[in-house]
Amino acid sequence: MPSSEESRPDERERVANGTRERILAAAVAEFGAKGYSGARTAGIAARAGVNQQLISYYFGGKQGLLDELRRRWQEVQAEIVPPGASFAESLGAHLDATLDRPDWARLVVWQALGDCPFVDAEEGRRQAERQREAMAASVDKTRRRQEDGEIRAGLDPAFALLAAYAIIFAPITMPHLVRDILGGDPLSLETRQVLRTQLVQLLTEDQERPTL
């Protein structure tokens, strides 16, 4: 049985890890609500219930928090869609990942609006290029799915992908509009089911033409 002296480092590490995770969770909420520019380390510390100096101690400041959150989001993205998933299953997986993590999704939107800068301008350019390459690869994959019969014939694959992103992010980017149109909580399971079902029908199922 380990002595109290031997267990203290493990306990300190456990406490430190818990503190880091609370700070990161608070940062996601603060960045999501106010954007990177509007967020303050004091607000993040208050949400996390920690001393503001711990943000600098663990992450080097607000930019360090953003960098760590970016890294974690990339890990999440890599695991959103299981191998071998159909196009319809992929839509559902992306919808779930977005609406299960609304603060993260808002952070993604702020970044798309240019509010989450890179300290290193060159790294920012590399990230933008990686994003363009990733989207080009997604369009190519969507085109192949269409050729395999998974996506409605006649649709532009690039438009199909854009429409999917727009609808999936609508509860985050336009919550009031979604509520007014669909009549429910934008983040509710009922709204999610409507979006999933209608998006799949819109992009993947051929509509029967009425007989004249």
Protein backbone atom coordinates (compact mmCIF):
# COMPACT_ATOMS: atom_id res chain seq x y z
CA MET A 1 0.00 0.00 0.00
CA PRO A 2 1.58 3.34 -1.02
CA SER A 3 2.53 5.76 1.71
CA SER A 4 0.88 9.18 1.98
CA GLU A 5 4.10 10.74 0.67
CA GLU A 6 4.00 8.52 -2.44
CA SER A 7 0.34 9.23 -3.13
CA ARG A 8 0.62 13.01 -2.89
CA PRO A 9 2.10 13.54 -6.40
CA ASP A 10 -0.72 11.48 -7.94
CA GLU A 11 -3.31 13.44 -5.98
CA ARG A 12 -1.76 16.75 -7.01
CA GLU A 13 -1.79 15.63 -10.64
CA ARG A 14 -5.42 14.57 -10.38
CA VAL A 15 -6.37 17.95 -8.93
CA ALA A 16 -4.33 19.77 -11.57
CA ASN A 17 -5.97 17.80 -14.38
CA GLY A 18 -9.40 18.58 -12.98
CA THR A 19 -8.54 22.27 -12.81
CA ARG A 20 -7.29 22.30 -16.40
CA GLU A 21 -10.46 20.59 -17.61
CA ARG A 22 -12.68 23.08 -15.75
CA ILE A 23 -10.77 25.95 -17.30
CA LEU A 24 -11.10 24.47 -20.79
CA ALA A 25 -14.84 23.86 -20.35
CA ALA A 26 -15.25 27.44 -19.15
CA ALA A 27 -13.20 28.74 -22.08
CA VAL A 28 -15.41 26.92 -24.60
CA ALA A 29 -18.50 28.47 -23.02
CA GLU A 30 -16.96 31.95 -22.84
CA PHE A 31 -15.53 31.88 -26.37
CA GLY A 32 -18.77 30.44 -27.72
CA ALA A 33 -20.86 33.16 -26.09
CA LYS A 34 -18.62 36.17 -26.75
CA GLY A 35 -16.11 35.18 -29.39
CA TYR A 36 -12.36 35.24 -28.84
CA SER A 37 -12.16 39.03 -28.99
CA GLY A 38 -14.99 39.56 -26.52
CA ALA A 39 -13.94 36.87 -24.06
CA ARG A 40 -11.83 37.79 -21.04
CA THR A 41 -9.66 35.56 -18.91
CA ALA A 42 -11.41 37.00 -15.85
CA GLY A 43 -14.73 35.73 -17.19
CA ILE A 44 -13.25 32.32 -17.96
CA ALA A 45 -11.75 32.09 -14.48
CA ALA A 46 -15.08 33.06 -12.92
CA ARG A 47 -16.92 30.37 -14.91
CA ALA A 48 -14.32 27.79 -13.88
CA GLY A 49 -14.23 28.92 -10.25
CA VAL A 50 -10.45 29.31 -10.26
CA ASN A 51 -7.88 32.01 -9.76
CA GLN A 52 -7.28 33.91 -13.00
CA GLN A 53 -3.53 33.38 -12.69
CA LEU A 54 -4.02 29.64 -13.20
CA ILE A 55 -4.99 30.28 -16.82
CA SER A 56 -1.53 31.71 -17.47
CA TYR A 57 0.09 28.99 -15.37
CA TYR A 58 -1.52 26.10 -17.25
CA PHE A 59 -2.06 27.54 -20.74
CA GLY A 60 0.02 30.69 -21.06
CA GLY A 61 -3.04 32.91 -21.43
CA LYS A 62 -6.09 33.25 -23.65
CA GLN A 63 -4.31 32.33 -26.88
CA GLY A 64 -2.95 29.17 -25.31
CA LEU A 65 -6.48 28.18 -24.34
CA LEU A 66 -7.66 28.72 -27.91
CA ASP A 67 -4.78 26.66 -29.30
CA GLU A 68 -5.59 23.75 -26.97
CA LEU A 69 -9.28 23.92 -27.85
CA ARG A 70 -8.42 23.85 -31.56
CA ARG A 71 -6.29 20.78 -31.01
CA ARG A 72 -9.07 19.00 -29.16
CA TRP A 73 -11.67 19.92 -31.78
CA GLN A 74 -9.48 18.39 -34.47
CA GLU A 75 -9.43 15.18 -32.44
CA VAL A 76 -13.23 15.25 -32.16
CA GLN A 77 -13.63 15.85 -35.90
CA ALA A 78 -11.44 12.87 -36.71
CA GLU A 79 -13.82 10.57 -34.82
CA ILE A 80 -17.24 12.04 -35.72
CA VAL A 81 -18.04 9.68 -38.59
CA PRO A 82 -17.40 5.97 -38.03
CA PRO A 83 -15.61 4.04 -40.79
CA GLY A 84 -17.94 2.75 -43.47
CA ALA A 85 -20.80 5.09 -42.56
CA SER A 86 -23.28 5.90 -45.32
CA PHE A 87 -23.93 9.46 -46.42
CA ALA A 88 -27.16 9.53 -44.41
CA GLU A 89 -25.36 8.18 -41.34
CA SER A 90 -22.63 10.79 -41.82
CA LEU A 91 -25.22 13.57 -41.86
CA GLY A 92 -26.68 12.28 -38.60
CA ALA A 93 -23.25 11.98 -36.99
CA HIS A 94 -22.31 15.55 -37.90
CA LEU A 95 -25.67 16.83 -36.70
CA ASP A 96 -25.26 15.05 -33.37
CA ALA A 97 -21.68 16.26 -32.94
CA THR A 98 -22.76 19.84 -33.60
CA LEU A 99 -25.87 19.96 -31.42
CA ASP A 100 -24.37 17.87 -28.60
CA ARG A 101 -21.63 20.51 -28.29
CA PRO A 102 -23.31 23.87 -28.96
CA ASP A 103 -20.53 25.90 -27.31
CA TRP A 104 -17.94 24.15 -29.46
CA ALA A 105 -20.08 24.74 -32.55
CA ARG A 106 -20.37 28.44 -31.71
CA LEU A 107 -16.60 28.59 -31.39
CA VAL A 108 -16.29 27.05 -34.86
CA VAL A 109 -18.64 29.75 -36.19
CA TRP A 110 -16.64 32.53 -34.54
CA GLN A 111 -13.49 31.10 -36.12
CA ALA A 112 -15.18 30.99 -39.53
CA LEU A 113 -15.99 34.68 -39.07
CA GLY A 114 -12.31 35.42 -38.47
CA ASP A 115 -12.63 36.14 -34.75
CA CYS A 116 -10.19 33.44 -33.55
CA PRO A 117 -6.81 34.62 -34.82
CA PHE A 118 -3.55 32.74 -34.99
CA VAL A 119 -0.62 34.43 -33.26
CA ASP A 120 1.63 33.22 -36.07
CA ALA A 121 0.34 34.65 -39.37
CA GLU A 122 2.10 31.90 -41.31
CA GLU A 123 0.38 29.23 -39.23
CA GLY A 124 -2.91 30.97 -39.96
CA ARG A 125 -2.23 30.73 -43.68
CA ARG A 126 -1.30 27.06 -43.36
CA GLN A 127 -4.49 26.38 -41.43
CA ALA A 128 -6.57 28.16 -44.07
CA GLU A 129 -4.91 26.08 -46.78
CA ARG A 130 -5.53 22.85 -44.85
CA GLN A 131 -9.17 23.86 -44.49
CA ARG A 132 -9.51 24.47 -48.24
CA GLU A 133 -7.88 21.13 -48.98
CA ALA A 134 -10.19 19.37 -46.51
CA MET A 135 -13.27 20.94 -48.08
CA ALA A 136 -12.09 20.03 -51.58
CA ALA A 137 -11.60 16.44 -50.41
CA SER A 138 -15.10 16.47 -48.90
CA VAL A 139 -16.57 17.66 -52.20
CA ASP A 140 -14.74 14.88 -54.04
CA LYS A 141 -16.04 12.32 -51.54
CA THR A 142 -19.56 13.69 -51.93
CA ARG A 143 -19.24 13.36 -55.71
CA ARG A 144 -18.18 9.73 -55.36
CA ARG A 145 -21.13 9.04 -53.06
CA GLN A 146 -23.40 10.54 -55.69
CA GLU A 147 -21.88 8.30 -58.34
CA ASP A 148 -22.58 5.35 -56.04
CA GLY A 149 -26.24 6.36 -55.82
CA GLU A 150 -26.23 7.66 -52.24
CA ILE A 151 -27.05 11.27 -53.19
CA ARG A 152 -29.86 12.54 -55.36
CA ALA A 153 -28.87 12.65 -59.03
CA GLY A 154 -28.71 16.11 -60.57
CA LEU A 155 -27.52 17.89 -57.44
CA ASP A 156 -24.21 19.70 -57.56
CA PRO A 157 -22.08 17.79 -55.00
CA ALA A 158 -20.57 21.05 -53.74
CA PHE A 159 -24.06 22.50 -53.21
CA ALA A 160 -25.21 19.31 -51.45
CA LEU A 161 -22.29 19.62 -49.03
CA LEU A 162 -22.92 23.33 -48.47
CA ALA A 163 -26.64 22.72 -47.85
CA ALA A 164 -25.80 20.01 -45.32
CA TYR A 165 -23.47 22.29 -43.37
CA ALA A 166 -25.95 25.17 -43.47
CA ILE A 167 -28.82 23.09 -42.09
CA ILE A 168 -26.70 21.28 -39.51
CA PHE A 169 -25.40 24.58 -38.12
CA ALA A 170 -28.74 26.43 -38.41
CA PRO A 171 -29.77 25.77 -34.76
CA ILE A 172 -26.47 27.39 -33.73
CA THR A 173 -26.26 30.25 -36.23
CA MET A 174 -29.99 31.06 -36.52
CA PRO A 175 -31.68 29.65 -33.40
CA HIS A 176 -34.56 32.14 -33.39
CA LEU A 177 -35.31 31.47 -37.04
CA VAL A 178 -35.26 27.71 -36.47
CA ARG A 179 -37.57 28.12 -33.47
CA ASP A 180 -40.01 30.35 -35.39
CA ILE A 181 -40.11 28.09 -38.44
CA LEU A 182 -40.15 24.67 -36.80
CA GLY A 183 -41.89 25.69 -33.60
CA GLY A 184 -39.61 24.10 -31.06
CA ASP A 185 -36.38 24.40 -29.12
CA PRO A 186 -33.57 24.49 -31.73
CA LEU A 187 -31.46 22.11 -29.64
CA SER A 188 -34.23 19.69 -28.69
CA LEU A 189 -34.25 16.05 -29.75
CA GLU A 190 -37.50 16.69 -31.65
CA THR A 191 -35.95 19.46 -33.73
CA ARG A 192 -32.87 17.35 -34.31
CA GLN A 193 -34.99 14.50 -35.62
CA VAL A 194 -36.84 16.81 -38.01
CA LEU A 195 -33.58 18.22 -39.34
CA ARG A 196 -32.04 14.77 -39.76
CA THR A 197 -35.07 13.28 -41.51
CA GLN A 198 -35.69 16.20 -43.84
CA LEU A 199 -32.03 16.68 -44.69
CA VAL A 200 -31.71 13.02 -45.67
CA GLN A 201 -34.86 13.22 -47.79
CA LEU A 202 -33.69 16.44 -49.40
CA LEU A 203 -30.31 15.13 -50.45
CA THR A 204 -30.63 11.38 -50.80
CA GLU A 205 -34.12 10.31 -51.81
CA ASP A 206 -35.67 10.76 -55.24
CA GLN A 207 -39.08 12.34 -55.11
CA GLU A 208 -41.88 10.63 -56.95
CA ARG A 209 -43.41 12.77 -59.65
CA PRO A 210 -47.17 13.15 -59.36
CA THR A 211 -49.19 11.41 -62.04
CA LEU A 212 -51.15 13.72 -64.30
